[in-house]
Protein backbone atom coordinates (compact mmCIF):
# COMPACT_ATOMS: atom_id res chain seq x y z
CA MET A 1 129.65 99.03 310.59
CA LYS A 2 129.95 99.97 306.92
CA LEU A 3 131.98 103.04 306.08
CA SER A 4 130.89 105.35 303.33
CA ARG A 5 133.35 105.92 300.47
CA ARG A 6 133.97 109.44 301.76
CA ALA A 7 134.70 108.17 305.26
CA ALA A 8 136.99 105.48 303.92
CA LEU A 9 138.89 108.04 301.87
CA GLY A 10 139.43 110.07 305.00
CA ALA A 11 141.67 107.36 306.42
CA THR A 12 145.44 107.80 306.40
CA ALA A 13 148.33 105.48 305.70
CA ALA A 14 151.92 105.61 306.88
CA LEU A 15 155.41 105.05 305.47
CA PRO A 16 158.69 104.54 307.30
CA ALA A 17 159.84 107.99 308.32
CA ALA A 18 163.42 107.63 307.11
CA SER A 19 162.41 107.25 303.49
CA LEU A 20 160.54 110.56 303.53
CA LEU A 21 163.05 112.92 305.08
CA PRO A 22 165.30 115.04 302.88
CA ALA A 23 168.61 113.42 302.13
CA THR A 24 170.35 116.57 303.33
CA ALA A 25 168.32 117.00 306.53
CA SER A 26 170.33 118.67 309.27
CA ALA A 27 171.27 116.88 312.47
CA ASP A 28 168.52 118.66 314.42
CA ALA A 29 165.81 117.31 312.11
CA HIS A 30 163.79 114.26 312.97
CA SER A 31 160.76 112.60 311.55
CA GLY A 32 158.30 112.91 314.42
CA PRO A 33 155.25 110.70 313.87
CA PRO A 34 155.12 108.39 310.85
CA PRO A 35 154.40 110.38 307.67
CA GLN A 36 150.89 110.12 306.32
CA PHE A 37 148.56 111.15 303.56
CA ARG A 38 145.02 112.53 303.71
CA THR A 39 142.44 111.87 301.01
CA PHE A 40 139.06 113.55 300.63
CA MET A 41 136.45 114.13 297.95
CA LEU A 42 135.88 117.58 296.50
CA GLY A 43 132.80 117.05 294.41
CA ASP A 44 133.93 114.43 291.90
CA MET A 45 137.61 115.14 292.49
CA GLU A 46 139.66 112.85 294.70
CA VAL A 47 142.25 115.02 296.48
CA THR A 48 145.20 113.51 298.38
CA VAL A 49 147.63 115.60 300.41
CA LEU A 50 150.96 113.82 300.81
CA LEU A 51 153.30 114.29 303.76
CA ALA A 52 156.54 113.81 301.85
CA GLY A 53 158.73 114.95 304.73
CA GLN A 54 158.92 116.97 307.90
CA ALA A 55 161.72 118.35 310.07
CA ASN A 56 162.16 120.17 313.35
CA ARG A 57 164.18 123.35 313.16
CA GLU A 58 165.70 125.33 316.01
CA GLY A 59 166.70 128.98 316.06
CA ASP A 60 165.14 132.41 316.35
CA MET A 61 161.96 132.05 314.30
CA GLN A 62 161.52 135.82 314.18
CA GLU A 63 164.50 135.94 311.84
CA THR A 64 162.47 133.87 309.39
CA PHE A 65 158.82 134.76 309.94
CA GLY A 66 158.78 138.25 311.50
CA MET A 67 161.70 140.13 310.02
CA ASN A 68 160.05 143.57 310.23
CA VAL A 69 158.60 143.42 313.78
CA ASP A 70 160.17 143.79 317.21
CA ALA A 71 161.03 140.79 319.37
CA GLU A 72 158.32 141.39 321.99
CA THR A 73 155.55 141.67 319.37
CA PHE A 74 156.67 138.40 317.82
CA ALA A 75 156.99 136.73 321.23
CA GLN A 76 153.51 137.85 322.31
CA ALA A 77 151.88 136.58 319.12
CA SER A 78 153.64 133.26 319.64
CA ARG A 79 152.59 133.03 323.30
CA ASP A 80 149.00 133.75 322.30
CA ALA A 81 149.15 130.79 319.89
CA PHE A 82 150.91 128.48 322.42
CA ILE A 83 153.98 128.06 320.21
CA PRO A 84 157.65 128.76 321.00
CA THR A 85 159.77 131.35 319.25
CA ASP A 86 162.94 129.25 319.14
CA GLN A 87 161.79 126.18 317.21
CA ALA A 88 159.21 125.05 314.67
CA VAL A 89 158.18 121.99 312.68
CA PHE A 90 158.37 122.27 308.91
CA PHE A 91 156.01 120.18 306.77
CA PHE A 92 156.49 119.41 303.05
CA GLN A 93 153.22 118.39 301.39
CA PRO A 94 152.61 117.92 297.67
CA THR A 95 149.06 117.24 296.53
CA VAL A 96 147.70 114.80 293.95
CA VAL A 97 144.25 115.15 292.37
CA ARG A 98 142.45 112.38 290.48
CA THR A 99 139.77 113.83 288.23
CA GLY A 100 138.11 112.70 285.00
CA GLY A 101 140.71 110.04 284.32
CA GLU A 102 143.60 112.48 284.93
CA VAL A 103 146.10 112.33 287.80
CA VAL A 104 147.52 115.78 288.56
CA LEU A 105 150.47 116.11 290.94
CA PHE A 106 151.34 119.51 292.42
CA ASP A 107 155.04 119.77 293.36
CA THR A 108 157.52 117.00 294.09
CA GLY A 109 158.83 117.51 297.61
CA LEU A 110 162.42 117.34 298.78
CA ASN A 111 163.72 114.34 296.88
CA VAL A 112 162.75 111.47 294.59
CA GLU A 113 162.62 108.88 297.36
CA GLY A 114 160.23 110.93 299.45
CA ILE A 115 157.68 111.71 296.74
CA THR A 116 157.65 108.26 295.13
CA GLY A 117 157.44 106.57 298.53
CA VAL A 118 154.43 108.46 299.80
CA LEU A 119 152.74 108.34 296.38
CA GLY A 120 153.11 104.57 296.49
CA ALA A 121 151.55 104.41 299.94
CA ALA A 122 148.61 106.44 298.60
CA GLY A 123 148.17 104.02 295.68
CA PHE A 124 149.93 105.90 292.87
CA ALA A 125 152.96 104.99 290.76
CA PRO A 126 155.09 107.69 289.09
CA GLU A 127 153.86 106.54 285.69
CA ASP A 128 150.25 107.21 286.76
CA VAL A 129 150.81 110.97 286.89
CA THR A 130 149.40 112.63 283.77
CA GLN A 131 150.10 116.28 284.67
CA LEU A 132 152.93 117.47 286.92
CA VAL A 133 152.47 121.07 288.05
CA ILE A 134 155.30 122.99 289.70
CA THR A 135 153.87 125.90 291.69
CA HIS A 136 157.31 127.50 292.05
CA MET A 137 160.94 126.47 291.93
CA HIS A 138 162.22 126.54 295.47
CA PRO A 139 164.25 123.38 296.25
CA ASP A 140 161.62 121.73 298.47
CA HIS A 141 159.16 121.78 295.56
CA ILE A 142 161.43 120.53 292.77
CA GLY A 143 163.58 118.04 294.67
CA GLY A 144 161.70 115.02 293.39
CA LEU A 145 161.35 116.29 289.82
CA SER A 146 164.35 114.46 288.38
CA GLU A 147 167.57 112.64 289.20
CA GLY A 148 170.67 113.00 287.06
CA GLY A 149 168.60 114.60 284.31
CA THR A 150 166.10 111.71 284.24
CA PRO A 151 162.50 112.79 284.92
CA THR A 152 160.72 111.05 287.78
CA PHE A 153 157.33 111.41 286.08
CA ALA A 154 158.19 110.52 282.51
CA ASN A 155 154.58 110.11 281.34
CA ALA A 156 153.39 113.45 282.67
CA ARG A 157 152.91 116.82 280.99
CA HIS A 158 155.25 119.12 282.89
CA ILE A 159 153.60 122.48 283.63
CA THR A 160 154.75 125.66 285.37
CA GLY A 161 154.32 129.41 285.14
CA GLU A 162 156.04 131.26 282.32
CA THR A 163 157.06 134.08 284.67
CA GLU A 164 158.50 131.58 287.14
CA MET A 165 160.53 129.70 284.55
CA SER A 166 161.89 132.89 283.00
CA ALA A 167 162.99 134.25 286.37
CA TRP A 168 164.99 131.16 287.30
CA GLN A 169 166.50 130.79 283.86
CA ALA A 170 167.75 134.36 284.16
CA ASN A 171 169.17 133.76 287.66
CA PRO A 172 169.66 130.01 288.13
CA ASN A 173 170.77 128.40 291.37
CA ASP A 174 172.16 124.90 291.88
CA PRO A 175 168.80 123.16 292.54
CA PHE A 176 167.29 124.71 289.41
CA THR A 177 170.33 123.78 287.33
CA GLU A 178 170.28 120.22 288.61
CA LYS A 179 166.55 119.46 288.70
CA VAL A 180 164.73 121.74 286.24
CA ALA A 181 167.19 122.89 283.58
CA PRO A 182 167.67 119.43 282.00
CA LEU A 183 163.88 119.20 281.52
CA ALA A 184 163.16 122.85 280.69
CA ASP A 185 162.18 122.19 277.08
CA GLN A 186 159.59 119.66 278.27
CA PHE A 187 157.66 122.23 280.29
CA GLU A 188 154.42 123.78 279.13
CA LEU A 189 154.51 127.40 280.31
CA ILE A 190 151.26 128.98 281.46
CA ALA A 191 149.89 132.24 282.86
CA PRO A 192 147.33 132.92 285.60
CA GLY A 193 143.86 131.90 284.44
CA ALA A 194 145.07 128.86 282.52
CA GLU A 195 143.09 125.67 283.04
CA ILE A 196 145.31 122.64 283.74
CA VAL A 197 142.46 120.17 283.39
CA SER A 198 138.73 120.76 283.69
CA GLY A 199 138.08 122.41 287.03
CA ILE A 200 141.69 123.30 287.98
CA THR A 201 142.71 126.89 287.21
CA ALA A 202 145.95 128.77 287.85
CA VAL A 203 145.80 131.75 290.22
CA ASP A 204 148.37 134.57 290.49
CA MET A 205 150.10 134.33 293.88
CA PHE A 206 153.28 136.17 292.91
CA GLY A 207 155.70 137.42 295.56
CA HIS A 208 157.05 134.37 297.35
CA THR A 209 158.86 133.81 294.07
CA PRO A 210 158.50 135.94 290.90
CA GLY A 211 155.91 133.65 289.30
CA HIS A 212 154.54 131.63 292.22
CA MET A 213 151.03 130.34 291.45
CA GLY A 214 148.27 128.58 293.33
CA TYR A 215 145.33 126.68 291.88
CA ARG A 216 141.59 126.90 292.38
CA MET A 217 139.88 123.51 292.20
CA SER A 218 136.18 123.35 291.34
CA SER A 219 133.83 120.39 290.99
CA GLY A 220 130.09 121.02 291.01
CA ASP A 221 129.38 123.32 293.95
CA ALA A 222 132.59 122.34 295.74
CA GLN A 223 135.73 124.45 295.60
CA ALA A 224 139.12 124.57 297.29
CA MET A 225 142.26 126.69 296.90
CA LEU A 226 145.67 125.06 296.68
CA CYS A 227 148.05 127.77 297.90
CA ALA A 228 151.53 126.18 297.95
CA ASP A 229 153.76 128.73 299.75
CA MET A 230 151.47 131.73 299.64
CA THR A 231 151.66 131.32 303.43
CA ASN A 232 154.56 129.62 305.18
CA HIS A 233 153.21 129.33 308.73
CA TYR A 234 149.72 128.79 310.11
CA VAL A 235 150.06 131.52 312.77
CA TRP A 236 152.77 134.01 311.90
CA SER A 237 151.79 134.29 308.20
CA LEU A 238 148.02 134.33 308.71
CA ALA A 239 147.47 136.39 311.84
CA HIS A 240 150.07 138.86 310.59
CA PRO A 241 150.12 138.75 306.78
CA ASP A 242 152.29 141.89 306.58
CA TRP A 243 155.13 140.33 308.55
CA GLU A 244 158.11 139.77 306.28
CA VAL A 245 159.20 136.18 305.65
CA ARG A 246 162.81 135.37 304.85
CA PHE A 247 161.78 132.90 302.12
CA ASP A 248 159.73 135.53 300.21
CA MET A 249 161.76 136.93 297.33
CA ASP A 250 159.57 140.05 296.94
CA LYS A 251 158.37 140.72 300.47
CA GLU A 252 156.01 143.57 299.66
CA ALA A 253 154.32 141.64 296.85
CA ALA A 254 154.11 138.50 299.00
CA ALA A 255 152.36 140.41 301.80
CA ALA A 256 149.87 141.93 299.35
CA THR A 257 149.22 138.48 297.88
CA ARG A 258 148.57 137.01 301.34
CA ARG A 259 146.01 139.69 302.15
CA ARG A 260 144.27 139.29 298.80
CA VAL A 261 144.16 135.50 298.62
CA LEU A 262 143.42 134.86 302.30
CA GLY A 263 140.64 137.42 302.07
CA GLU A 264 139.13 135.59 299.08
CA ILE A 265 139.33 132.22 300.83
CA ALA A 266 137.73 133.62 303.99
CA THR A 267 134.96 135.34 302.03
CA ASP A 268 134.23 132.27 299.91
CA ARG A 269 134.42 129.95 302.97
CA ILE A 270 136.23 127.28 300.99
CA PRO A 271 138.97 124.87 302.09
CA MET A 272 142.60 125.82 301.65
CA ILE A 273 145.52 123.46 301.11
CA GLY A 274 148.85 124.92 302.23
CA TYR A 275 152.13 123.17 301.48
CA HIS A 276 153.64 124.08 304.86
CA MET A 277 150.51 124.08 307.01
CA PRO A 278 150.41 121.52 309.85
CA HIS A 279 149.65 118.07 308.45
CA PRO A 280 147.27 117.25 306.83
CA ALA A 281 147.53 120.81 305.48
CA VAL A 282 143.79 121.28 304.93
CA GLY A 283 141.79 123.95 306.69
CA TYR A 284 139.66 127.04 306.52
CA VAL A 285 140.48 130.72 306.94
CA GLU A 286 138.52 133.27 308.94
CA THR A 287 139.16 136.96 309.42
CA ALA A 288 140.50 137.85 312.88
CA GLY A 289 141.26 141.45 313.74
CA ASP A 290 143.61 142.89 311.15
CA GLY A 291 144.59 139.42 309.94
CA PHE A 292 143.30 135.90 309.64
CA ARG A 293 143.05 132.67 311.62
CA TRP A 294 143.73 129.11 310.44
CA VAL A 295 140.88 126.70 311.28
CA PRO A 296 142.03 123.09 310.73
CA GLU A 297 139.60 120.83 308.88
CA SER A 298 138.09 118.29 311.24
CA TYR A 299 135.39 116.19 309.55
CA GLN A 300 133.75 118.67 307.15
CA LEU A 301 135.26 116.99 304.09
CA MET A 302 134.28 113.53 305.28
CA LEU A 303 130.54 114.34 305.13
């Protein structure tokens, strides 16, 4: 049987789990199944979602994903979705897009070893990346950016939001100081609406961090929305977009962003790529009651 190019691109490949976990993973973290990548065609764009790491976490998940609701409400929503309230699996998934001779990488995962390892499995070397886009500067997105001040993607244009860069420069933390600050003068600073390459446009998704941005990808009639951390969980952040998330720096703005962007994705009926969605992080969004529901992609993008 001959496979079409689209079907072949839908296949996944694996790397040894140990190379993809964060170097500082806690003792309760483990790799689960072998990390993978997922490639699909979006018009003429080749899109690859990379599982650069995953970890199990234990604890009261309401303290992270439902800070402004009572325990029973959170527990009932979790029961309805067949998930526990005392543990969760966290996924860390950068995306690389090959289009028109350009190779655009969105975010760099937890560490250099993780991102370069899974990129290699997907057929890319660090020097292949022509544009490196940082959606926001939380540690799990900048961990693979540099090591000891040396950039991992030396050939790439480094791009991030002007609002995001300014916010972290004004209030730096250790990961920013270590990973971003040595390369700050190499970054091209952009605003919402900027086009990274033909067909990839920055979208305001402020709230999770001061200048967090997503990216709309368009090729012919095909579109998708890369959302980074606009949502942090496929149930708690979609079904209940107003629930406060510990990771969101401006919780009111983040909730408003979730309602706006998820509403656009549901209305447009386009695929969404979410950095922390269950691997392979690609799905659709439908309205459900006062919120939304995550519908994992099955074979739609293989057709």
